[in-house]
């Protein structure tokens, strides 16, 4: 287990689909400090800023010395620009800096990583979907949206 994955121990659906990228549900304040100690440089939150949280993001993340980015993803299909932005953020950061990507449970972040996993990490559709399921994805609608996006990018 990596230091980064150890830092989010106890977070719902904690996973490390790619070295240097961990995903999961909502962190607690103690996880933010542990992420900083593990070298995490970026927290990507795909929750709507109005969703309730047990901590004050982005303030607590920034105070810890970690960059905070929010790209909101709703409970259902969104627009392709959202998937493009998440993929671009992964392309420019994973492998360069340690990243924690989260939502409330892992459902949204797992599904929205499918394009990055397939197009950039070269996972098969089956492997990318299985990785998303391990990250907490339970929404077939989100999976279908991500797979349709991948197909458009491959055309």
N, C-alpha and C. Protein backbone atom coordinates (compact mmCIF):
# COMPACT_ATOMS: atom_id res chain seq x y z
N UNK A 1 0.85 -1.18 0.00
CA UNK A 1 0.00 0.00 0.00
C UNK A 1 0.90 1.24 0.00
N UNK A 2 0.55 2.23 -0.79
CA UNK A 2 1.34 3.45 -0.88
C UNK A 2 1.05 4.39 0.29
N UNK A 3 1.96 5.33 0.51
CA UNK A 3 1.75 6.34 1.55
C UNK A 3 0.49 7.16 1.27
N UNK A 4 0.25 7.42 -0.02
CA UNK A 4 -0.91 8.22 -0.41
C UNK A 4 -2.20 7.47 -0.08
N UNK A 5 -2.24 6.18 -0.37
CA UNK A 5 -3.44 5.39 -0.05
C UNK A 5 -3.58 5.23 1.46
N UNK A 6 -2.47 5.07 2.17
CA UNK A 6 -2.52 5.01 3.63
C UNK A 6 -3.13 6.29 4.22
N UNK A 7 -2.84 7.43 3.57
CA UNK A 7 -3.32 8.72 4.07
C UNK A 7 -4.83 8.83 4.07
N UNK A 8 -5.50 8.08 3.18
CA UNK A 8 -6.96 8.16 3.13
C UNK A 8 -7.62 6.91 3.72
N UNK A 9 -6.89 6.18 4.53
CA UNK A 9 -7.46 5.01 5.21
C UNK A 9 -8.70 5.45 5.98
N UNK A 10 -9.79 4.75 5.77
CA UNK A 10 -11.05 5.08 6.42
C UNK A 10 -12.00 5.88 5.55
N UNK A 11 -11.49 6.45 4.44
CA UNK A 11 -12.35 7.14 3.48
C UNK A 11 -13.13 6.08 2.71
N UNK A 12 -14.42 6.29 2.51
CA UNK A 12 -15.24 5.33 1.77
C UNK A 12 -14.63 5.06 0.40
N UNK A 13 -14.54 3.79 0.03
CA UNK A 13 -14.09 3.34 -1.28
C UNK A 13 -12.70 3.85 -1.67
N UNK A 14 -11.81 3.99 -0.69
CA UNK A 14 -10.44 4.42 -0.97
C UNK A 14 -9.79 3.47 -1.97
N UNK A 15 -9.18 4.06 -2.99
CA UNK A 15 -8.59 3.26 -4.06
C UNK A 15 -7.41 4.01 -4.66
N UNK A 16 -6.49 3.27 -5.27
CA UNK A 16 -5.38 3.87 -6.00
C UNK A 16 -5.34 3.25 -7.39
N UNK A 17 -6.16 3.77 -8.32
CA UNK A 17 -6.26 3.17 -9.65
C UNK A 17 -4.99 3.33 -10.49
N UNK A 18 -4.22 4.35 -10.21
CA UNK A 18 -2.97 4.64 -10.91
C UNK A 18 -1.99 5.12 -9.84
N UNK A 19 -0.73 4.69 -9.88
CA UNK A 19 0.22 5.18 -8.89
C UNK A 19 0.22 6.72 -8.85
N UNK A 20 0.10 7.24 -7.63
CA UNK A 20 0.10 8.69 -7.45
C UNK A 20 -1.26 9.34 -7.55
N UNK A 21 -2.29 8.54 -7.80
CA UNK A 21 -3.68 9.03 -7.86
C UNK A 21 -4.53 8.16 -6.95
N UNK A 22 -5.09 8.78 -5.91
CA UNK A 22 -6.01 8.05 -5.04
C UNK A 22 -7.39 8.68 -5.15
N UNK A 23 -8.40 7.85 -4.95
CA UNK A 23 -9.78 8.29 -5.06
C UNK A 23 -10.57 7.79 -3.86
N UNK A 24 -11.73 8.40 -3.66
CA UNK A 24 -12.58 7.93 -2.59
C UNK A 24 -13.73 8.87 -2.33
N UNK A 25 -14.35 8.62 -1.21
CA UNK A 25 -15.46 9.46 -0.77
C UNK A 25 -14.94 10.67 -0.01
N UNK A 26 -15.85 11.32 0.68
CA UNK A 26 -15.54 12.55 1.42
C UNK A 26 -14.48 12.32 2.49
N UNK A 27 -13.38 13.08 2.44
CA UNK A 27 -12.37 12.97 3.50
C UNK A 27 -12.79 13.75 4.75
N UNK A 28 -12.15 13.43 5.84
CA UNK A 28 -12.29 14.18 7.08
C UNK A 28 -11.06 15.09 7.23
N UNK A 29 -11.07 15.97 8.18
CA UNK A 29 -9.96 16.90 8.39
C UNK A 29 -8.64 16.16 8.59
N UNK A 30 -8.64 15.08 9.34
CA UNK A 30 -7.41 14.31 9.58
C UNK A 30 -6.82 13.76 8.28
N UNK A 31 -7.68 13.42 7.32
CA UNK A 31 -7.18 12.91 6.05
C UNK A 31 -6.41 13.98 5.28
N UNK A 32 -6.85 15.23 5.38
CA UNK A 32 -6.18 16.32 4.67
C UNK A 32 -4.75 16.46 5.17
N UNK A 33 -4.56 16.44 6.47
CA UNK A 33 -3.22 16.53 7.05
C UNK A 33 -2.37 15.32 6.64
N UNK A 34 -2.97 14.15 6.65
CA UNK A 34 -2.25 12.93 6.26
C UNK A 34 -1.88 12.97 4.78
N UNK A 35 -2.77 13.49 3.94
CA UNK A 35 -2.46 13.63 2.51
C UNK A 35 -1.27 14.55 2.32
N UNK A 36 -1.23 15.66 3.04
CA UNK A 36 -0.11 16.58 2.94
C UNK A 36 1.20 15.89 3.33
N UNK A 37 1.18 15.13 4.42
CA UNK A 37 2.38 14.40 4.87
C UNK A 37 2.82 13.38 3.83
N UNK A 38 1.86 12.82 3.08
CA UNK A 38 2.16 11.82 2.06
C UNK A 38 2.60 12.45 0.74
N UNK A 39 2.63 13.78 0.68
CA UNK A 39 3.10 14.46 -0.52
C UNK A 39 2.03 14.83 -1.52
N UNK A 40 0.77 14.72 -1.12
CA UNK A 40 -0.31 15.09 -2.03
C UNK A 40 -0.22 16.59 -2.35
N UNK A 41 -0.32 16.92 -3.64
CA UNK A 41 -0.20 18.31 -4.07
C UNK A 41 -1.51 18.88 -4.61
N UNK A 42 -2.49 17.99 -4.91
CA UNK A 42 -3.73 18.45 -5.52
C UNK A 42 -4.91 17.62 -5.03
N UNK A 43 -5.96 18.30 -4.62
CA UNK A 43 -7.24 17.66 -4.30
C UNK A 43 -8.23 18.12 -5.35
N UNK A 44 -8.82 17.16 -6.06
CA UNK A 44 -9.90 17.44 -7.00
C UNK A 44 -11.19 16.94 -6.37
N UNK A 45 -12.12 17.84 -6.22
CA UNK A 45 -13.42 17.55 -5.60
C UNK A 45 -14.47 17.68 -6.69
N UNK A 46 -15.26 16.62 -6.91
CA UNK A 46 -16.31 16.73 -7.93
C UNK A 46 -17.70 16.89 -7.31
N UNK A 47 -17.74 17.28 -6.04
CA UNK A 47 -19.02 17.55 -5.39
C UNK A 47 -19.44 18.97 -5.71
N UNK A 48 -20.73 19.18 -5.75
CA UNK A 48 -21.25 20.53 -5.91
C UNK A 48 -20.84 21.35 -4.69
N UNK A 49 -20.39 22.59 -4.87
CA UNK A 49 -19.98 23.39 -3.72
C UNK A 49 -21.06 23.54 -2.64
N UNK A 50 -22.33 23.35 -3.00
CA UNK A 50 -23.41 23.49 -2.02
C UNK A 50 -23.69 22.20 -1.23
N UNK A 51 -23.06 21.08 -1.61
CA UNK A 51 -23.28 19.84 -0.86
C UNK A 51 -22.69 19.98 0.54
N UNK A 52 -23.38 19.42 1.54
CA UNK A 52 -22.85 19.51 2.91
C UNK A 52 -21.56 18.69 3.06
N UNK A 53 -20.67 19.21 3.89
CA UNK A 53 -19.39 18.56 4.13
C UNK A 53 -19.06 18.63 5.62
N UNK A 54 -18.24 17.69 6.10
CA UNK A 54 -17.83 17.74 7.51
C UNK A 54 -16.65 18.68 7.74
N UNK A 55 -16.12 19.27 6.67
CA UNK A 55 -15.02 20.23 6.78
C UNK A 55 -15.26 21.36 5.81
N UNK A 56 -14.42 22.37 5.89
CA UNK A 56 -14.59 23.54 5.02
C UNK A 56 -13.63 23.43 3.84
N UNK A 57 -14.07 22.77 2.80
CA UNK A 57 -13.29 22.76 1.57
C UNK A 57 -13.73 23.99 0.78
N UNK A 58 -12.89 24.69 0.11
CA UNK A 58 -11.46 24.44 -0.08
C UNK A 58 -10.56 25.01 1.00
N UNK A 59 -11.10 25.76 1.93
CA UNK A 59 -10.27 26.45 2.92
C UNK A 59 -9.31 25.52 3.65
N UNK A 60 -9.82 24.37 4.15
CA UNK A 60 -8.96 23.46 4.93
C UNK A 60 -7.88 22.85 4.05
N UNK A 61 -8.20 22.55 2.80
CA UNK A 61 -7.22 21.96 1.88
C UNK A 61 -6.12 22.98 1.57
N UNK A 62 -6.52 24.18 1.22
CA UNK A 62 -5.55 25.23 0.88
C UNK A 62 -4.71 25.57 2.11
N UNK A 63 -5.32 25.65 3.27
CA UNK A 63 -4.58 25.94 4.51
C UNK A 63 -3.51 24.87 4.76
N UNK A 64 -3.79 23.64 4.35
CA UNK A 64 -2.82 22.56 4.53
C UNK A 64 -1.69 22.63 3.51
N UNK A 65 -1.81 23.54 2.54
CA UNK A 65 -0.75 23.68 1.54
C UNK A 65 -0.95 22.80 0.32
N UNK A 66 -2.19 22.41 0.07
CA UNK A 66 -2.53 21.57 -1.07
C UNK A 66 -3.43 22.37 -2.01
N UNK A 67 -3.18 22.26 -3.30
CA UNK A 67 -4.04 22.94 -4.27
C UNK A 67 -5.41 22.26 -4.28
N UNK A 68 -6.46 23.07 -4.41
CA UNK A 68 -7.84 22.57 -4.42
C UNK A 68 -8.50 22.99 -5.72
N UNK A 69 -9.12 22.01 -6.40
CA UNK A 69 -9.89 22.28 -7.62
C UNK A 69 -11.24 21.58 -7.47
N UNK A 70 -12.30 22.28 -7.86
CA UNK A 70 -13.63 21.69 -7.85
C UNK A 70 -14.19 21.69 -9.27
N UNK A 71 -14.52 20.51 -9.77
CA UNK A 71 -15.21 20.36 -11.05
C UNK A 71 -16.48 19.58 -10.73
N UNK A 72 -17.61 20.27 -10.52
CA UNK A 72 -18.83 19.60 -10.08
C UNK A 72 -19.37 18.59 -11.09
N UNK A 73 -19.78 17.44 -10.55
CA UNK A 73 -20.44 16.38 -11.32
C UNK A 73 -21.72 16.06 -10.57
N UNK A 74 -22.84 16.11 -11.27
CA UNK A 74 -24.12 15.79 -10.65
C UNK A 74 -24.33 14.29 -10.54
N UNK A 75 -25.50 13.89 -10.07
CA UNK A 75 -25.78 12.47 -9.88
C UNK A 75 -26.06 11.73 -11.18
N UNK A 76 -26.30 12.46 -12.26
CA UNK A 76 -26.57 11.83 -13.56
C UNK A 76 -25.69 12.40 -14.64
N UNK A 77 -25.99 12.01 -15.84
CA UNK A 77 -25.22 12.42 -17.01
C UNK A 77 -25.03 13.94 -17.04
N UNK A 78 -23.81 14.35 -17.31
CA UNK A 78 -23.49 15.77 -17.43
C UNK A 78 -23.09 16.09 -18.86
N UNK A 79 -22.38 17.19 -19.02
CA UNK A 79 -21.93 17.53 -20.37
C UNK A 79 -20.49 17.04 -20.58
N UNK A 80 -20.14 16.87 -21.84
CA UNK A 80 -18.82 16.33 -22.18
C UNK A 80 -17.69 17.25 -21.75
N UNK A 81 -17.95 18.54 -21.63
CA UNK A 81 -16.93 19.48 -21.18
C UNK A 81 -16.43 19.12 -19.78
N UNK A 82 -17.31 18.62 -18.94
CA UNK A 82 -16.92 18.21 -17.59
C UNK A 82 -15.93 17.06 -17.66
N UNK A 83 -16.23 16.05 -18.47
CA UNK A 83 -15.31 14.91 -18.61
C UNK A 83 -13.99 15.36 -19.23
N UNK A 84 -14.04 16.28 -20.18
CA UNK A 84 -12.82 16.78 -20.81
C UNK A 84 -11.94 17.48 -19.77
N UNK A 85 -12.54 18.30 -18.92
CA UNK A 85 -11.78 19.03 -17.90
C UNK A 85 -11.15 18.09 -16.88
N UNK A 86 -11.89 17.06 -16.46
CA UNK A 86 -11.35 16.09 -15.50
C UNK A 86 -10.19 15.33 -16.14
N UNK A 87 -10.39 14.88 -17.37
CA UNK A 87 -9.33 14.14 -18.07
C UNK A 87 -8.09 15.02 -18.23
N UNK A 88 -8.27 16.26 -18.64
CA UNK A 88 -7.14 17.17 -18.82
C UNK A 88 -6.39 17.38 -17.51
N UNK A 89 -7.11 17.54 -16.42
CA UNK A 89 -6.47 17.70 -15.13
C UNK A 89 -5.63 16.47 -14.78
N UNK A 90 -6.16 15.28 -15.06
CA UNK A 90 -5.41 14.05 -14.80
C UNK A 90 -4.18 13.97 -15.70
N UNK A 91 -4.34 14.29 -16.97
CA UNK A 91 -3.22 14.23 -17.92
C UNK A 91 -2.06 15.12 -17.47
N UNK A 92 -2.37 16.29 -16.97
CA UNK A 92 -1.31 17.24 -16.63
C UNK A 92 -0.76 17.07 -15.21
N UNK A 93 -1.40 16.26 -14.40
CA UNK A 93 -0.96 16.13 -13.01
C UNK A 93 -0.50 14.74 -12.60
N UNK A 94 -1.23 13.70 -12.97
CA UNK A 94 -0.88 12.34 -12.53
C UNK A 94 0.48 11.98 -13.13
N UNK A 95 1.36 11.51 -12.27
CA UNK A 95 2.72 11.21 -12.69
C UNK A 95 3.68 12.36 -12.44
N UNK A 96 3.11 13.56 -12.28
CA UNK A 96 3.91 14.75 -11.97
C UNK A 96 3.75 15.14 -10.50
N UNK A 97 2.51 15.04 -10.02
CA UNK A 97 2.18 15.38 -8.64
C UNK A 97 1.21 14.34 -8.11
N UNK A 98 1.18 14.17 -6.81
CA UNK A 98 0.24 13.24 -6.19
C UNK A 98 -1.13 13.92 -6.09
N UNK A 99 -2.17 13.14 -6.43
CA UNK A 99 -3.53 13.68 -6.54
C UNK A 99 -4.51 12.83 -5.73
N UNK A 100 -5.43 13.51 -5.06
CA UNK A 100 -6.58 12.85 -4.42
C UNK A 100 -7.83 13.40 -5.09
N UNK A 101 -8.63 12.50 -5.66
CA UNK A 101 -9.86 12.86 -6.35
C UNK A 101 -11.02 12.26 -5.59
N UNK A 102 -12.00 13.09 -5.20
CA UNK A 102 -13.09 12.55 -4.38
C UNK A 102 -14.43 13.18 -4.72
N UNK A 103 -15.47 12.45 -4.29
CA UNK A 103 -16.84 12.96 -4.25
C UNK A 103 -17.36 12.56 -2.87
N UNK A 104 -18.64 12.30 -2.75
CA UNK A 104 -19.17 11.91 -1.44
C UNK A 104 -18.87 10.45 -1.12
N UNK A 105 -18.92 9.58 -2.16
CA UNK A 105 -18.78 8.15 -1.93
C UNK A 105 -17.78 7.45 -2.84
N UNK A 106 -17.34 8.10 -3.88
CA UNK A 106 -16.50 7.46 -4.90
C UNK A 106 -17.28 7.18 -6.18
N UNK A 107 -18.61 7.25 -6.13
CA UNK A 107 -19.46 6.94 -7.28
C UNK A 107 -19.13 7.82 -8.49
N UNK A 108 -19.13 9.12 -8.28
CA UNK A 108 -18.92 10.06 -9.39
C UNK A 108 -17.47 10.08 -9.85
N UNK A 109 -16.53 10.05 -8.91
CA UNK A 109 -15.13 10.13 -9.35
C UNK A 109 -14.71 8.86 -10.09
N UNK A 110 -15.18 7.71 -9.66
CA UNK A 110 -14.83 6.48 -10.38
C UNK A 110 -15.33 6.51 -11.81
N UNK A 111 -16.57 6.87 -12.01
CA UNK A 111 -17.14 6.88 -13.36
C UNK A 111 -16.46 7.92 -14.24
N UNK A 112 -16.18 9.10 -13.70
CA UNK A 112 -15.62 10.15 -14.53
C UNK A 112 -14.13 9.95 -14.82
N UNK A 113 -13.51 8.96 -14.19
CA UNK A 113 -12.13 8.61 -14.52
C UNK A 113 -12.04 7.61 -15.67
N UNK A 114 -13.16 7.02 -16.06
CA UNK A 114 -13.14 6.02 -17.14
C UNK A 114 -12.48 6.58 -18.41
N UNK A 115 -12.80 7.79 -18.87
CA UNK A 115 -12.11 8.29 -20.08
C UNK A 115 -10.59 8.37 -19.91
N UNK A 116 -10.13 8.86 -18.78
CA UNK A 116 -8.69 8.94 -18.54
C UNK A 116 -8.07 7.55 -18.51
N UNK A 117 -8.73 6.62 -17.84
CA UNK A 117 -8.18 5.27 -17.74
C UNK A 117 -8.11 4.59 -19.10
N UNK A 118 -9.12 4.79 -19.94
CA UNK A 118 -9.13 4.14 -21.26
C UNK A 118 -8.24 4.86 -22.27
N UNK A 119 -8.38 6.16 -22.35
CA UNK A 119 -7.70 6.91 -23.40
C UNK A 119 -6.23 7.21 -23.09
N UNK A 120 -5.91 7.41 -21.83
CA UNK A 120 -4.55 7.80 -21.46
C UNK A 120 -3.76 6.68 -20.79
N UNK A 121 -4.43 5.88 -19.98
CA UNK A 121 -3.76 4.76 -19.31
C UNK A 121 -3.88 3.47 -20.12
N UNK A 122 -4.66 3.51 -21.20
CA UNK A 122 -4.82 2.40 -22.15
C UNK A 122 -5.44 1.14 -21.54
N UNK A 123 -6.31 1.32 -20.54
CA UNK A 123 -7.05 0.18 -20.01
C UNK A 123 -8.16 -0.20 -21.00
N UNK A 124 -8.51 -1.46 -21.01
CA UNK A 124 -9.65 -1.89 -21.81
C UNK A 124 -10.93 -1.36 -21.17
N UNK A 125 -12.01 -1.39 -21.92
CA UNK A 125 -13.29 -0.94 -21.37
C UNK A 125 -13.64 -1.75 -20.12
N UNK A 126 -13.48 -3.06 -20.19
CA UNK A 126 -13.81 -3.91 -19.06
C UNK A 126 -12.95 -3.56 -17.84
N UNK A 127 -11.66 -3.37 -18.04
CA UNK A 127 -10.77 -3.05 -16.92
C UNK A 127 -11.07 -1.67 -16.34
N UNK A 128 -11.39 -0.70 -17.21
CA UNK A 128 -11.70 0.65 -16.73
C UNK A 128 -13.00 0.66 -15.93
N UNK A 129 -14.01 -0.05 -16.42
CA UNK A 129 -15.28 -0.12 -15.69
C UNK A 129 -15.09 -0.85 -14.37
N UNK A 130 -14.32 -1.94 -14.37
CA UNK A 130 -14.07 -2.65 -13.12
C UNK A 130 -13.32 -1.76 -12.12
N UNK A 131 -12.37 -0.96 -12.61
CA UNK A 131 -11.66 -0.02 -11.74
C UNK A 131 -12.64 0.99 -11.15
N UNK A 132 -13.55 1.51 -11.99
CA UNK A 132 -14.55 2.47 -11.51
C UNK A 132 -15.44 1.83 -10.45
N UNK A 133 -15.81 0.58 -10.64
CA UNK A 133 -16.62 -0.11 -9.65
C UNK A 133 -15.86 -0.26 -8.33
N UNK A 134 -14.56 -0.57 -8.40
CA UNK A 134 -13.75 -0.66 -7.18
C UNK A 134 -13.64 0.69 -6.49
N UNK A 135 -13.72 1.78 -7.27
CA UNK A 135 -13.65 3.13 -6.70
C UNK A 135 -14.98 3.56 -6.09
N UNK A 136 -16.03 2.78 -6.28
CA UNK A 136 -17.31 3.09 -5.66
C UNK A 136 -18.42 3.43 -6.62
N UNK A 137 -18.16 3.38 -7.93
CA UNK A 137 -19.21 3.73 -8.90
C UNK A 137 -20.33 2.70 -8.84
N UNK A 138 -21.56 3.22 -8.77
CA UNK A 138 -22.75 2.36 -8.76
C UNK A 138 -23.78 2.83 -9.77
N UNK A 139 -23.50 3.93 -10.46
CA UNK A 139 -24.46 4.51 -11.40
C UNK A 139 -24.18 4.07 -12.83
N UNK A 140 -25.11 3.28 -13.38
CA UNK A 140 -24.96 2.87 -14.78
C UNK A 140 -25.05 4.08 -15.70
N UNK A 141 -25.86 5.06 -15.33
CA UNK A 141 -25.99 6.27 -16.14
C UNK A 141 -24.64 6.99 -16.27
N UNK A 142 -23.90 7.10 -15.17
CA UNK A 142 -22.59 7.75 -15.22
C UNK A 142 -21.59 6.94 -16.03
N UNK A 143 -21.64 5.62 -15.88
CA UNK A 143 -20.75 4.75 -16.67
C UNK A 143 -21.05 4.91 -18.16
N UNK A 144 -22.33 4.88 -18.52
CA UNK A 144 -22.71 5.02 -19.93
C UNK A 144 -22.25 6.36 -20.50
N UNK A 145 -22.41 7.42 -19.74
CA UNK A 145 -21.95 8.74 -20.17
C UNK A 145 -20.45 8.73 -20.44
N UNK A 146 -19.68 8.16 -19.52
CA UNK A 146 -18.22 8.10 -19.68
C UNK A 146 -17.83 7.28 -20.89
N UNK A 147 -18.48 6.14 -21.09
CA UNK A 147 -18.15 5.27 -22.23
C UNK A 147 -18.53 5.93 -23.56
N UNK A 148 -19.65 6.64 -23.59
CA UNK A 148 -20.03 7.36 -24.81
C UNK A 148 -19.02 8.46 -25.13
N UNK A 149 -18.52 9.13 -24.10
CA UNK A 149 -17.50 10.15 -24.29
C UNK A 149 -16.24 9.52 -24.90
N UNK A 150 -15.83 8.38 -24.36
CA UNK A 150 -14.64 7.69 -24.88
C UNK A 150 -14.82 7.37 -26.36
N UNK A 151 -15.97 6.83 -26.71
CA UNK A 151 -16.23 6.47 -28.12
C UNK A 151 -16.14 7.69 -29.02
N UNK A 152 -16.66 8.82 -28.57
CA UNK A 152 -16.57 10.07 -29.37
C UNK A 152 -15.12 10.48 -29.57
N UNK A 153 -14.31 10.32 -28.53
CA UNK A 153 -12.90 10.72 -28.63
C UNK A 153 -12.11 9.78 -29.52
N UNK A 154 -12.55 8.55 -29.62
CA UNK A 154 -11.83 7.57 -30.46
C UNK A 154 -12.20 7.68 -31.93
N UNK A 155 -13.30 8.39 -32.25
CA UNK A 155 -13.74 8.51 -33.65
C UNK A 155 -12.90 9.50 -34.42
